Amino acid sequence: MRNPGGSSRSALRPLDYVFLARPAALVPLWIFYVSGACLGAESIGRVIPWYRPTRHGLLGLLSMTAVLAGGYILNQIRDIETDRRNEKLFFLPRGIVSVGAARVEMIVLWALALVFAIPLSWEFLLVLLGSLVLNITYSVPPVHAKSRTPFDLIWNGLGFGVAAAAAGWAAVAPLAWELVGPALSYALAVAGIIASTTILDIPGDTAAGLSTTGTALGVRRTSTLAIVLVSVAGVLGAIFVDGLSLFGAAFSLPWLIRAHRTGRRSHRIAANQLAVAMFAILASARGVYLVALLALVFFLSRAYYRARFDIAYPGRGTP
C-alpha cells in the first residue's frame, strides 16, 4: 500500500470522510430496503416505477443509509485496535482521519437521518430508531453484540434483513404482517453470510479476546452454520414465494460450499463477495435504479482506493 500521506494525493483527502462511512458496505442495506419497498407497494396495490424510487422511498433510503453509515463509523471508533490487528478499516488506526473528526461525522449523519425521516410515517420513524439502537448496541458495551456470539449474527440479521426491509415497506405503505416471512428469510440469509465473514477475522478477533461466531465455533463449524442458515433462508423464500431469498440462497450456496470444502481464504473471500453480488443482482430486478447506485459506488470506490492507497477495493484489497 502506498503512503497515504503523499502530497500527490492531497486532493483526495476530503473523500476520506466519505469512505470512512464505508459506502461499499452499505449495499446489503440497499438490497433489502428496495425489496421491502417493492413488497410494501404491492401490498396496497401500488406500482413503484422500476427506474426510480418514489419521493418517500428515496427519503427513507437516505435516512437508513445515514443511520448505518454513522453506525459503521462508531464501530471503527470502538474497534481501532482490532481493526489494526486484522489489517482492515485503516482510516482510524493509521490516523488518516482523527477520532474526533470521526465522532463529528457520525453525529452529523445521525442528525441527517432524522431530518430525512421528518416527512415519513411514524412507523418508519420507529423502524429508524430501532435501527439506530441496533447500530449503537452492536458496538458499545454493555451489549457490544459484535463481540458476543450469537448476538453478532442476530444483530446483523435484524439490522440488514428485518429493519432494512421494514423501513422500505414503511416508507411507502403501512406495515403489515405479510412482511414477516420475507423479512425472516432475509435475516437468516444475512446471518449466514455474516457468519462466513467472521471466519476471515478469527486471528485478529482471537487476539483481541472477542467472542464472535468465528472465534467461538471455529472455522469448520462456523462454515457449516453459514451454509445451514443460507439454506434455511432459501427454503423460507420458497415457502413465502419470495424470489430474492430463494434464488439468492440458491446462487450463493455453491460458493459457500466450495469455501467449506477447500478451506482456502481466497475461496472464502469470493464466496462472501459473490453472495452479496447475487442478492444485489436479484434485488435490481425490483428496482433497476439499484444497479446505477451499485455501479456508482463500485467504480468510485475502485478509483478512490487505487489512487489513494494503491489497492483494488472492492476486490482483492481490504480497506
C-alpha atoms as a PDB file:
ATOM      1  CA  MET A   1       0.000   0.000   0.000  1.00  0.00           C
ATOM      2  CA  ARG A   2       1.253   3.463  -0.832  1.00  0.00           C
ATOM      3  CA  ASN A   3       1.893   6.058   1.821  1.00  0.00           C
ATOM      4  CA  PRO A   4      -1.486   7.774   2.245  1.00  0.00           C
ATOM      5  CA  GLY A   5       0.179  10.976   3.267  1.00  0.00           C
ATOM      6  CA  GLY A   6       1.778  11.687  -0.119  1.00  0.00           C
ATOM      7  CA  SER A   7       1.247  15.225  -1.363  1.00  0.00           C
ATOM      8  CA  SER A   8       0.235  13.962  -4.817  1.00  0.00           C
ATOM      9  CA  ARG A   9      -2.947  12.567  -3.283  1.00  0.00           C
ATOM     10  CA  SER A  10      -3.806  15.542  -1.060  1.00  0.00           C
ATOM     11  CA  ALA A  11      -6.750  16.415  -3.303  1.00  0.00           C
ATOM     12  CA  LEU A  12      -8.345  13.109  -2.389  1.00  0.00           C
ATOM     13  CA  ARG A  13      -8.220  13.682   1.369  1.00  0.00           C
ATOM     14  CA  PRO A  14     -11.736  15.165   1.624  1.00  0.00           C
ATOM     15  CA  LEU A  15     -13.008  11.885   0.201  1.00  0.00           C
ATOM     16  CA  ASP A  16     -11.501  10.077   3.195  1.00  0.00           C
ATOM     17  CA  TYR A  17     -14.544  11.185   5.178  1.00  0.00           C
ATOM     18  CA  VAL A  18     -16.891   9.758   2.552  1.00  0.00           C
ATOM     19  CA  PHE A  19     -15.169   6.388   2.502  1.00  0.00           C
ATOM     20  CA  LEU A  20     -14.809   6.306   6.277  1.00  0.00           C
ATOM     21  CA  ALA A  21     -18.565   5.653   6.174  1.00  0.00           C
ATOM     22  CA  ARG A  22     -17.894   2.533   4.053  1.00  0.00           C
ATOM     23  CA  PRO A  23     -20.244   3.105   1.099  1.00  0.00           C
ATOM     24  CA  ALA A  24     -19.464  -0.325  -0.378  1.00  0.00           C
ATOM     25  CA  ALA A  25     -20.640  -1.964   2.858  1.00  0.00           C
ATOM     26  CA  LEU A  26     -23.992  -0.176   2.609  1.00  0.00           C
ATOM     27  CA  VAL A  27     -25.007  -2.462  -0.254  1.00  0.00           C
ATOM     28  CA  PRO A  28     -26.802  -5.111   1.892  1.00  0.00           C
ATOM     29  CA  LEU A  29     -28.992  -2.384   3.409  1.00  0.00           C
ATOM     30  CA  TRP A  30     -29.939  -1.087  -0.032  1.00  0.00           C
ATOM     31  CA  ILE A  31     -30.723  -4.596  -1.308  1.00  0.00           C
ATOM     32  CA  PHE A  32     -33.282  -5.427   1.367  1.00  0.00           C
ATOM     33  CA  TYR A  33     -34.634  -1.874   1.610  1.00  0.00           C
ATOM     34  CA  VAL A  34     -35.512  -1.890  -2.097  1.00  0.00           C
ATOM     35  CA  SER A  35     -37.110  -5.313  -1.740  1.00  0.00           C
ATOM     36  CA  GLY A  36     -39.145  -4.162   1.272  1.00  0.00           C
ATOM     37  CA  ALA A  37     -40.315  -1.031  -0.541  1.00  0.00           C
ATOM     38  CA  CYS A  38     -41.499  -3.036  -3.543  1.00  0.00           C
ATOM     39  CA  LEU A  39     -43.304  -5.563  -1.335  1.00  0.00           C
ATOM     40  CA  GLY A  40     -44.935  -2.727   0.626  1.00  0.00           C
ATOM     41  CA  ALA A  41     -46.158  -1.022  -2.533  1.00  0.00           C
ATOM     42  CA  GLU A  42     -47.573  -4.308  -3.802  1.00  0.00           C
ATOM     43  CA  SER A  43     -49.444  -4.807  -0.514  1.00  0.00           C
ATOM     44  CA  ILE A  44     -51.564  -1.698  -1.188  1.00  0.00           C
ATOM     45  CA  GLY A  45     -51.853  -2.163  -4.930  1.00  0.00           C
ATOM     46  CA  ARG A  46     -49.307   0.469  -5.909  1.00  0.00           C
ATOM     47  CA  VAL A  47     -46.617   0.102  -8.532  1.00  0.00           C
ATOM     48  CA  ILE A  48     -43.230   1.703  -7.906  1.00  0.00           C
ATOM     49  CA  PRO A  49     -41.548   2.873 -11.138  1.00  0.00           C
ATOM     50  CA  TRP A  50     -38.870   0.324 -11.981  1.00  0.00           C
ATOM     51  CA  TYR A  51     -36.404   3.037 -12.975  1.00  0.00           C
ATOM     52  CA  ARG A  52     -36.565   5.268  -9.853  1.00  0.00           C
ATOM     53  CA  PRO A  53     -37.761   5.251  -6.232  1.00  0.00           C
ATOM     54  CA  THR A  54     -40.735   7.304  -5.089  1.00  0.00           C
ATOM     55  CA  ARG A  55     -40.060  10.521  -3.157  1.00  0.00           C
ATOM     56  CA  HIS A  56     -40.824   8.873   0.180  1.00  0.00           C
ATOM     57  CA  GLY A  57     -38.901   5.796  -0.848  1.00  0.00           C
ATOM     58  CA  LEU A  58     -35.854   7.936  -1.598  1.00  0.00           C
ATOM     59  CA  LEU A  59     -36.104   9.835   1.701  1.00  0.00           C
ATOM     60  CA  GLY A  60     -36.352   6.549   3.580  1.00  0.00           C
ATOM     61  CA  LEU A  61     -33.336   5.185   1.744  1.00  0.00           C
ATOM     62  CA  LEU A  62     -31.279   8.280   2.557  1.00  0.00           C
ATOM     63  CA  SER A  63     -32.380   8.152   6.188  1.00  0.00           C
ATOM     64  CA  MET A  64     -31.482   4.491   6.709  1.00  0.00           C
ATOM     65  CA  THR A  65     -28.224   4.943   4.810  1.00  0.00           C
ATOM     66  CA  ALA A  66     -27.209   7.791   7.123  1.00  0.00           C
ATOM     67  CA  VAL A  67     -28.001   5.717  10.232  1.00  0.00           C
ATOM     68  CA  LEU A  68     -25.923   2.766   9.043  1.00  0.00           C
ATOM     69  CA  ALA A  69     -23.055   4.963   7.831  1.00  0.00           C
ATOM     70  CA  GLY A  70     -22.898   6.526  11.284  1.00  0.00           C
ATOM     71  CA  GLY A  71     -23.006   3.051  12.792  1.00  0.00           C
ATOM     72  CA  TYR A  72     -20.018   1.998  10.704  1.00  0.00           C
ATOM     73  CA  ILE A  73     -18.071   4.986  11.973  1.00  0.00           C
ATOM     74  CA  LEU A  74     -18.992   4.180  15.587  1.00  0.00           C
ATOM     75  CA  ASN A  75     -17.836   0.618  15.052  1.00  0.00           C
ATOM     76  CA  GLN A  76     -14.466   1.811  13.776  1.00  0.00           C
ATOM     77  CA  ILE A  77     -14.052   4.207  16.699  1.00  0.00           C
ATOM     78  CA  ARG A  78     -14.693   1.384  19.157  1.00  0.00           C
ATOM     79  CA  ASP A  79     -12.571  -1.226  17.360  1.00  0.00           C
ATOM     80  CA  ILE A  80      -9.407   0.628  16.371  1.00  0.00           C
ATOM     81  CA  GLU A  81      -7.061  -1.974  17.860  1.00  0.00           C
ATOM     82  CA  THR A  82      -8.962  -4.958  16.474  1.00  0.00           C
ATOM     83  CA  ASP A  83      -9.016  -3.425  13.013  1.00  0.00           C
ATOM     84  CA  ARG A  84      -5.286  -2.799  13.273  1.00  0.00           C
ATOM     85  CA  ARG A  85      -4.662  -6.469  14.041  1.00  0.00           C
ATOM     86  CA  ASN A  86      -6.924  -7.612  11.220  1.00  0.00           C
ATOM     87  CA  GLU A  87      -5.270  -5.088   8.864  1.00  0.00           C
ATOM     88  CA  LYS A  88      -8.537  -3.565   7.686  1.00  0.00           C
ATOM     89  CA  LEU A  89     -10.602  -0.395   8.086  1.00  0.00           C
ATOM     90  CA  PHE A  90      -7.378   1.534   8.401  1.00  0.00           C
ATOM     91  CA  PHE A  91      -8.672   5.124   8.370  1.00  0.00           C
ATOM     92  CA  LEU A  92      -8.606   5.494  12.161  1.00  0.00           C
ATOM     93  CA  PRO A  93      -5.812   3.027  13.088  1.00  0.00           C
ATOM     94  CA  ARG A  94      -3.386   4.821  10.744  1.00  0.00           C
ATOM     95  CA  GLY A  95      -4.511   8.306  11.694  1.00  0.00           C
ATOM     96  CA  ILE A  96      -5.787   9.119   8.210  1.00  0.00           C
ATOM     97  CA  VAL A  97      -8.920  10.503   9.882  1.00  0.00           C
ATOM     98  CA  SER A  98      -8.809  11.611  13.524  1.00  0.00           C
ATOM     99  CA  VAL A  99     -11.119  10.038  16.079  1.00  0.00           C
ATOM    100  CA  GLY A 100     -12.530  13.476  16.907  1.00  0.00           C
ATOM    101  CA  ALA A 101     -13.427  14.166  13.277  1.00  0.00           C
ATOM    102  CA  ALA A 102     -14.987  10.711  13.011  1.00  0.00           C
ATOM    103  CA  ARG A 103     -17.227  11.424  16.008  1.00  0.00           C
ATOM    104  CA  VAL A 104     -18.405  14.688  14.463  1.00  0.00           C
ATOM    105  CA  GLU A 105     -19.187  12.957  11.171  1.00  0.00           C
ATOM    106  CA  MET A 106     -21.130  10.234  12.991  1.00  0.00           C
ATOM    107  CA  ILE A 107     -23.297  12.780  14.827  1.00  0.00           C
ATOM    108  CA  VAL A 108     -23.943  14.746  11.621  1.00  0.00           C
ATOM    109  CA  LEU A 109     -25.015  11.589   9.794  1.00  0.00           C
ATOM    110  CA  TRP A 110     -27.449  10.592  12.531  1.00  0.00           C
ATOM    111  CA  ALA A 111     -28.894  14.114  12.601  1.00  0.00           C
ATOM    112  CA  LEU A 112     -29.392  13.971   8.832  1.00  0.00           C
ATOM    113  CA  ALA A 113     -31.148  10.619   9.208  1.00  0.00           C
ATOM    114  CA  LEU A 114     -33.749  12.246  11.428  1.00  0.00           C
ATOM    115  CA  VAL A 115     -34.151  15.203   9.058  1.00  0.00           C
ATOM    116  CA  PHE A 116     -34.771  12.895   6.078  1.00  0.00           C
ATOM    117  CA  ALA A 117     -37.357  10.968   8.132  1.00  0.00           C
ATOM    118  CA  ILE A 118     -39.495  14.013   9.047  1.00  0.00           C
ATOM    119  CA  PRO A 119     -41.915  13.708   6.071  1.00  0.00           C
ATOM    120  CA  LEU A 120     -42.322   9.948   6.570  1.00  0.00           C
ATOM    121  CA  SER A 121     -44.731   7.925   8.704  1.00  0.00           C
ATOM    122  CA  TRP A 122     -44.440   7.290  12.421  1.00  0.00           C
ATOM    123  CA  GLU A 123     -43.976   3.608  11.575  1.00  0.00           C
ATOM    124  CA  PHE A 124     -40.898   4.444   9.539  1.00  0.00           C
ATOM    125  CA  LEU A 125     -39.574   6.580  12.393  1.00  0.00           C
ATOM    126  CA  LEU A 126     -39.973   3.666  14.817  1.00  0.00           C
ATOM    127  CA  VAL A 127     -38.050   1.376  12.460  1.00  0.00           C
ATOM    128  CA  LEU A 128     -35.378   4.053  12.059  1.00  0.00           C
ATOM    129  CA  LEU A 129     -34.964   4.439  15.821  1.00  0.00           C
ATOM    130  CA  GLY A 130     -34.830   0.668  16.192  1.00  0.00           C
ATOM    131  CA  SER A 131     -32.067   0.577  13.591  1.00  0.00           C
ATOM    132  CA  LEU A 132     -30.184   3.285  15.461  1.00  0.00           C
ATOM    133  CA  VAL A 133     -30.406   1.266  18.680  1.00  0.00           C
ATOM    134  CA  LEU A 134     -29.107  -1.829  16.862  1.00  0.00           C
ATOM    135  CA  ASN A 135     -26.170   0.148  15.467  1.00  0.00           C
ATOM    136  CA  ILE A 136     -25.225   1.564  18.853  1.00  0.00           C
ATOM    137  CA  THR A 137     -25.623  -1.647  20.852  1.00  0.00           C
ATOM    138  CA  TYR A 138     -23.714  -3.580  18.189  1.00  0.00           C
ATOM    139  CA  SER A 139     -20.530  -1.680  19.014  1.00  0.00           C
ATOM    140  CA  VAL A 140     -20.969  -0.262  22.531  1.00  0.00           C
ATOM    141  CA  PRO A 141     -20.939  -2.055  25.928  1.00  0.00           C
ATOM    142  CA  PRO A 142     -22.678  -3.437  27.843  1.00  0.00           C
ATOM    143  CA  VAL A 143     -24.348  -5.191  24.899  1.00  0.00           C
ATOM    144  CA  HIS A 144     -21.475  -4.986  22.374  1.00  0.00           C
ATOM    145  CA  ALA A 145     -23.224  -7.540  20.178  1.00  0.00           C
ATOM    146  CA  LYS A 146     -20.342  -7.608  17.717  1.00  0.00           C
ATOM    147  CA  SER A 147     -18.161  -9.473  20.209  1.00  0.00           C
ATOM    148  CA  ARG A 148     -20.791 -11.843  21.600  1.00  0.00           C
ATOM    149  CA  THR A 149     -21.962 -14.857  19.715  1.00  0.00           C
ATOM    150  CA  PRO A 150     -24.735 -15.443  18.655  1.00  0.00           C
ATOM    151  CA  PHE A 151     -25.675 -11.783  19.043  1.00  0.00           C
ATOM    152  CA  ASP A 152     -23.264 -10.779  16.273  1.00  0.00           C
ATOM    153  CA  LEU A 153     -25.369 -12.788  13.829  1.00  0.00           C
ATOM    154  CA  ILE A 154     -28.717 -11.816  15.352  1.00  0.00           C
ATOM    155  CA  TRP A 155     -27.966  -8.088  15.298  1.00  0.00           C
ATOM    156  CA  ASN A 156     -26.799  -8.203  11.677  1.00  0.00           C
ATOM    157  CA  GLY A 157     -29.814 -10.262  10.668  1.00  0.00           C
ATOM    158  CA  LEU A 158     -32.179  -7.875  12.401  1.00  0.00           C
ATOM    159  CA  GLY A 159     -30.458  -4.776  11.034  1.00  0.00           C
ATOM    160  CA  PHE A 160     -29.854  -5.707   7.415  1.00  0.00           C
ATOM    161  CA  GLY A 161     -32.697  -8.172   6.959  1.00  0.00           C
ATOM    162  CA  VAL A 162     -35.618  -7.137   9.144  1.00  0.00           C
ATOM    163  CA  ALA A 163     -35.064  -3.403   9.758  1.00  0.00           C
ATOM    164  CA  ALA A 164     -33.997  -2.647   6.184  1.00  0.00           C
ATOM    165  CA  ALA A 165     -36.987  -4.430   4.670  1.00  0.00           C
ATOM    166  CA  ALA A 166     -39.376  -2.937   7.246  1.00  0.00           C
ATOM    167  CA  ALA A 167     -38.035   0.545   6.561  1.00  0.00           C
ATOM    168  CA  GLY A 168     -38.534   0.150   2.834  1.00  0.00           C
ATOM    169  CA  TRP A 169     -42.071  -1.108   3.402  1.00  0.00           C
ATOM    170  CA  ALA A 170     -42.945   1.617   5.955  1.00  0.00           C
ATOM    171  CA  ALA A 171     -41.633   4.353   3.664  1.00  0.00           C
ATOM    172  CA  VAL A 172     -44.309   3.590   1.072  1.00  0.00           C
ATOM    173  CA  ALA A 173     -47.100   1.728   2.916  1.00  0.00           C
ATOM    174  CA  PRO A 174     -48.412   0.853   6.412  1.00  0.00           C
ATOM    175  CA  LEU A 175     -46.560  -2.093   7.925  1.00  0.00           C
ATOM    176  CA  ALA A 176     -48.380  -5.424   7.609  1.00  0.00           C
ATOM    177  CA  TRP A 177     -47.903  -8.998   8.779  1.00  0.00           C
ATOM    178  CA  GLU A 178     -47.151 -10.122   5.219  1.00  0.00           C
ATOM    179  CA  LEU A 179     -43.660  -8.723   5.716  1.00  0.00           C
ATOM    180  CA  VAL A 180     -42.749 -11.199   8.481  1.00  0.00           C
ATOM    181  CA  GLY A 181     -41.986 -14.203   6.271  1.00  0.00           C
ATOM    182  CA  PRO A 182     -39.757 -12.472   3.712  1.00  0.00           C
ATOM    183  CA  ALA A 183     -38.024 -10.433   6.441  1.00  0.00           C
ATOM    184  CA  LEU A 184     -37.216 -13.600   8.378  1.00  0.00           C
ATOM    185  CA  SER A 185     -35.722 -15.198   5.285  1.00  0.00           C
ATOM    186  CA  TYR A 186     -33.625 -12.063   4.666  1.00  0.00           C
ATOM    187  CA  ALA A 187     -32.406 -12.081   8.279  1.00  0.00           C
ATOM    188  CA  LEU A 188     -31.277 -15.705   8.013  1.00  0.00           C
ATOM    189  CA  ALA A 189     -29.518 -15.085   4.702  1.00  0.00           C
ATOM    190  CA  VAL A 190     -27.669 -12.109   6.172  1.00  0.00           C
ATOM    191  CA  ALA A 191     -26.756 -14.059   9.324  1.00  0.00           C
ATOM    192  CA  GLY A 192     -25.339 -16.851   7.200  1.00  0.00           C
ATOM    193  CA  ILE A 193     -23.182 -14.548   5.117  1.00  0.00           C
ATOM    194  CA  ILE A 194     -22.020 -12.672   8.225  1.00  0.00           C
ATOM    195  CA  ALA A 195     -21.071 -15.992   9.842  1.00  0.00           C
ATOM    196  CA  SER A 196     -18.923 -16.696   6.800  1.00  0.00           C
ATOM    197  CA  THR A 197     -17.222 -13.290   7.045  1.00  0.00           C
ATOM    198  CA  THR A 198     -16.289 -13.849  10.713  1.00  0.00           C
ATOM    199  CA  ILE A 199     -14.055 -16.725   9.607  1.00  0.00           C
ATOM    200  CA  LEU A 200     -11.657 -14.298   7.939  1.00  0.00           C
ATOM    201  CA  ASP A 201     -11.306 -12.277  11.158  1.00  0.00           C
ATOM    202  CA  ILE A 202     -10.634 -15.175  13.536  1.00  0.00           C
ATOM    203  CA  PRO A 203      -6.907 -14.411  14.098  1.00  0.00           C
ATOM    204  CA  GLY A 204      -7.427 -10.734  14.941  1.00  0.00           C
ATOM    205  CA  ASP A 205     -10.608 -11.318  16.939  1.00  0.00           C
ATOM    206  CA  THR A 206      -8.954 -14.093  18.942  1.00  0.00           C
ATOM    207  CA  ALA A 207      -6.002 -11.828  19.768  1.00  0.00           C
ATOM    208  CA  ALA A 208      -8.447  -9.130  20.888  1.00  0.00           C
ATOM    209  CA  GLY A 209     -10.397 -11.559  23.065  1.00  0.00           C
ATOM    210  CA  LEU A 210     -13.622 -11.162  21.095  1.00  0.00           C
ATOM    211  CA  SER A 211     -16.159 -13.982  21.208  1.00  0.00           C
ATOM    212  CA  THR A 212     -17.511 -13.719  17.667  1.00  0.00           C
ATOM    213  CA  THR A 213     -19.179 -16.622  15.918  1.00  0.00           C
ATOM    214  CA  GLY A 214     -15.915 -17.428  14.177  1.00  0.00           C
ATOM    215  CA  THR A 215     -13.803 -17.493  17.323  1.00  0.00           C
ATOM    216  CA  ALA A 216     -16.457 -19.321  19.356  1.00  0.00           C
ATOM    217  CA  LEU A 217     -17.208 -22.088  16.860  1.00  0.00           C
ATOM    218  CA  GLY A 218     -14.018 -22.330  14.834  1.00  0.00           C
ATOM    219  CA  VAL A 219     -13.650 -22.417  11.069  1.00  0.00           C
ATOM    220  CA  ARG A 220     -15.425 -25.672  10.202  1.00  0.00           C
ATOM    221  CA  ARG A 221     -18.459 -25.287  12.439  1.00  0.00           C
ATOM    222  CA  THR A 222     -18.876 -21.622  11.503  1.00  0.00           C
ATOM    223  CA  SER A 223     -18.680 -22.539   7.832  1.00  0.00           C
ATOM    224  CA  THR A 224     -21.294 -25.253   8.364  1.00  0.00           C
ATOM    225  CA  LEU A 225     -23.541 -22.794  10.200  1.00  0.00           C
ATOM    226  CA  ALA A 226     -23.271 -20.318   7.321  1.00  0.00           C
ATOM    227  CA  ILE A 227     -24.394 -22.977   4.841  1.00  0.00           C
ATOM    228  CA  VAL A 228     -27.301 -24.066   7.062  1.00  0.00           C
ATOM    229  CA  LEU A 229     -28.562 -20.512   7.626  1.00  0.00           C
ATOM    230  CA  VAL A 230     -28.451 -19.596   3.945  1.00  0.00           C
ATOM    231  CA  SER A 231     -30.143 -22.902   3.072  1.00  0.00           C
ATOM    232  CA  VAL A 232     -32.992 -22.260   5.520  1.00  0.00           C
ATOM    233  CA  ALA A 233     -33.347 -18.750   4.090  1.00  0.00           C
ATOM    234  CA  GLY A 234     -33.816 -20.302   0.668  1.00  0.00           C
ATOM    235  CA  VAL A 235     -36.427 -22.736   1.975  1.00  0.00           C
ATOM    236  CA  LEU A 236     -38.349 -19.870   3.577  1.00  0.00           C
ATOM    237  CA  GLY A 237     -38.093 -17.985   0.305  1.00  0.00           C
ATOM    238  CA  ALA A 238     -39.827 -20.897  -1.398  1.00  0.00           C
ATOM    239  CA  ILE A 239     -42.499 -21.107   1.312  1.00  0.00           C
ATOM    240  CA  PHE A 240     -43.289 -17.386   1.220  1.00  0.00           C
ATOM    241  CA  VAL A 241     -42.811 -17.113  -2.546  1.00  0.00           C
ATOM    242  CA  ASP A 242     -40.006 -14.579  -2.270  1.00  0.00           C
ATOM    243  CA  GLY A 243     -37.640 -14.818  -5.207  1.00  0.00           C
ATOM    244  CA  LEU A 244     -34.927 -12.707  -3.614  1.00  0.00           C
ATOM    245  CA  SER A 245     -34.259 -15.081  -0.721  1.00  0.00           C
ATOM    246  CA  LEU A 246     -34.999 -18.233  -2.740  1.00  0.00           C
ATOM    247  CA  PHE A 247     -32.733 -17.566  -5.685  1.00  0.00           C
ATOM    248  CA  GLY A 248     -30.214 -15.524  -3.684  1.00  0.00           C
ATOM    249  CA  ALA A 249     -29.627 -18.548  -1.465  1.00  0.00           C
ATOM    250  CA  ALA A 250     -29.588 -20.954  -4.400  1.00  0.00           C
ATOM    251  CA  PHE A 251     -26.924 -18.962  -6.243  1.00  0.00           C
ATOM    252  CA  SER A 252     -24.842 -18.309  -3.094  1.00  0.00           C
ATOM    253  CA  LEU A 253     -24.698 -21.830  -1.698  1.00  0.00           C
ATOM    254  CA  PRO A 254     -22.318 -23.351  -4.291  1.00  0.00           C
ATOM    255  CA  TRP A 255     -19.677 -20.752  -3.442  1.00  0.00           C
ATOM    256  CA  LEU A 256     -20.114 -21.189   0.303  1.00  0.00           C
ATOM    257  CA  ILE A 257     -19.887 -24.962  -0.096  1.00  0.00           C
ATOM    258  CA  ARG A 258     -16.712 -24.645  -2.160  1.00  0.00           C
ATOM    259  CA  ALA A 259     -15.122 -22.461   0.534  1.00  0.00           C
ATOM    260  CA  HIS A 260     -16.197 -25.008   3.153  1.00  0.00           C
ATOM    261  CA  ARG A 261     -14.642 -27.898   1.252  1.00  0.00           C
ATOM    262  CA  THR A 262     -11.321 -26.259   0.353  1.00  0.00           C
ATOM    263  CA  GLY A 263     -10.802 -24.003   3.372  1.00  0.00           C
ATOM    264  CA  ARG A 264      -8.910 -21.556   1.175  1.00  0.00           C
ATOM    265  CA  ARG A 265      -9.008 -17.910   2.175  1.00  0.00           C
ATOM    266  CA  SER A 266      -9.382 -16.787  -1.445  1.00  0.00           C
ATOM    267  CA  HIS A 267     -12.421 -19.035  -1.830  1.00  0.00           C
ATOM    268  CA  ARG A 268     -13.932 -17.651   1.382  1.00  0.00           C
ATOM    269  CA  ILE A 269     -13.491 -14.069   0.204  1.00  0.00           C
ATOM    270  CA  ALA A 270     -15.002 -14.951  -3.169  1.00  0.00           C
ATOM    271  CA  ALA A 271     -17.966 -16.716  -1.519  1.00  0.00           C
ATOM    272  CA  ASN A 272     -18.743 -13.708   0.685  1.00  0.00           C
ATOM    273  CA  GLN A 273     -18.478 -11.213  -2.155  1.00  0.00           C
ATOM    274  CA  LEU A 274     -20.398 -13.308  -4.671  1.00  0.00           C
ATOM    275  CA  ALA A 275     -23.210 -13.953  -2.197  1.00  0.00           C
ATOM    276  CA  VAL A 276     -23.766 -10.210  -1.814  1.00  0.00           C
ATOM    277  CA  ALA A 277     -23.465  -9.755  -5.576  1.00  0.00           C
ATOM    278  CA  MET A 278     -26.101 -12.430  -6.229  1.00  0.00           C
ATOM    279  CA  PHE A 279     -28.604 -10.785  -3.893  1.00  0.00           C
ATOM    280  CA  ALA A 280     -27.829  -7.369  -5.397  1.00  0.00           C
ATOM    281  CA  ILE A 281     -28.462  -8.576  -8.950  1.00  0.00           C
ATOM    282  CA  LEU A 282     -31.763 -10.155  -7.947  1.00  0.00           C
ATOM    283  CA  ALA A 283     -32.906  -7.098  -5.973  1.00  0.00           C
ATOM    284  CA  SER A 284     -32.174  -4.949  -9.006  1.00  0.00           C
ATOM    285  CA  ALA A 285     -34.988  -6.714 -10.817  1.00  0.00           C
ATOM    286  CA  ARG A 286     -37.354  -4.986  -8.364  1.00  0.00           C
ATOM    287  CA  GLY A 287     -35.695  -1.599  -8.750  1.00  0.00           C
ATOM    288  CA  VAL A 288     -33.277  -1.180 -11.637  1.00  0.00           C
ATOM    289  CA  TYR A 289     -32.107   2.148 -10.196  1.00  0.00           C
ATOM    290  CA  LEU A 290     -30.254  -0.009  -7.662  1.00  0.00           C
ATOM    291  CA  VAL A 291     -27.928  -1.048 -10.499  1.00  0.00           C
ATOM    292  CA  ALA A 292     -26.917   2.563 -11.080  1.00  0.00           C
ATOM    293  CA  LEU A 293     -26.346   3.104  -7.376  1.00  0.00           C
ATOM    294  CA  LEU A 294     -24.238  -0.035  -7.030  1.00  0.00           C
ATOM    295  CA  ALA A 295     -22.237   0.783 -10.157  1.00  0.00           C
ATOM    296  CA  LEU A 296     -21.567   4.298  -8.887  1.00  0.00           C
ATOM    297  CA  VAL A 297     -20.318   3.011  -5.526  1.00  0.00           C
ATOM    298  CA  PHE A 298     -18.223   0.266  -7.134  1.00  0.00           C
ATOM    299  CA  PHE A 299     -16.416   2.390  -9.707  1.00  0.00           C
ATOM    300  CA  LEU A 300     -15.904   5.370  -7.400  1.00  0.00           C
ATOM    301  CA  SER A 301     -14.546   3.064  -4.702  1.00  0.00           C
ATOM    302  CA  ARG A 302     -12.187   1.349  -7.131  1.00  0.00           C
ATOM    303  CA  ALA A 303     -10.910   4.690  -8.398  1.00  0.00           C
ATOM    304  CA  TYR A 304     -10.527   6.180  -4.917  1.00  0.00           C
ATOM    305  CA  TYR A 305      -8.756   3.234  -3.294  1.00  0.00           C
ATOM    306  CA  ARG A 306      -6.474   2.775  -6.280  1.00  0.00           C
ATOM    307  CA  ALA A 307      -5.461   6.435  -6.418  1.00  0.00           C
ATOM    308  CA  ARG A 308      -5.268   6.941  -2.650  1.00  0.00           C
ATOM    309  CA  PHE A 309      -3.821   3.652  -1.385  1.00  0.00           C
ATOM    310  CA  ASP A 310      -2.934   1.583  -4.463  1.00  0.00           C
ATOM    311  CA  ILE A 311      -5.272  -1.279  -3.572  1.00  0.00           C
ATOM    312  CA  ALA A 312      -8.103  -2.913  -5.508  1.00  0.00           C
ATOM    313  CA  TYR A 313     -11.253  -2.475  -3.456  1.00  0.00           C
ATOM    314  CA  PRO A 314     -13.950  -3.709  -3.787  1.00  0.00           C
ATOM    315  CA  GLY A 315     -11.961  -6.740  -4.868  1.00  0.00           C
ATOM    316  CA  ARG A 316      -8.806  -8.266  -3.507  1.00  0.00           C
ATOM    317  CA  GLY A 317      -7.908  -5.336  -1.287  1.00  0.00           C
ATOM    318  CA  THR A 318      -9.175  -4.999   2.261  1.00  0.00           C
ATOM    319  CA  PRO A 319      -9.878  -1.391   3.405  1.00  0.00           C
END
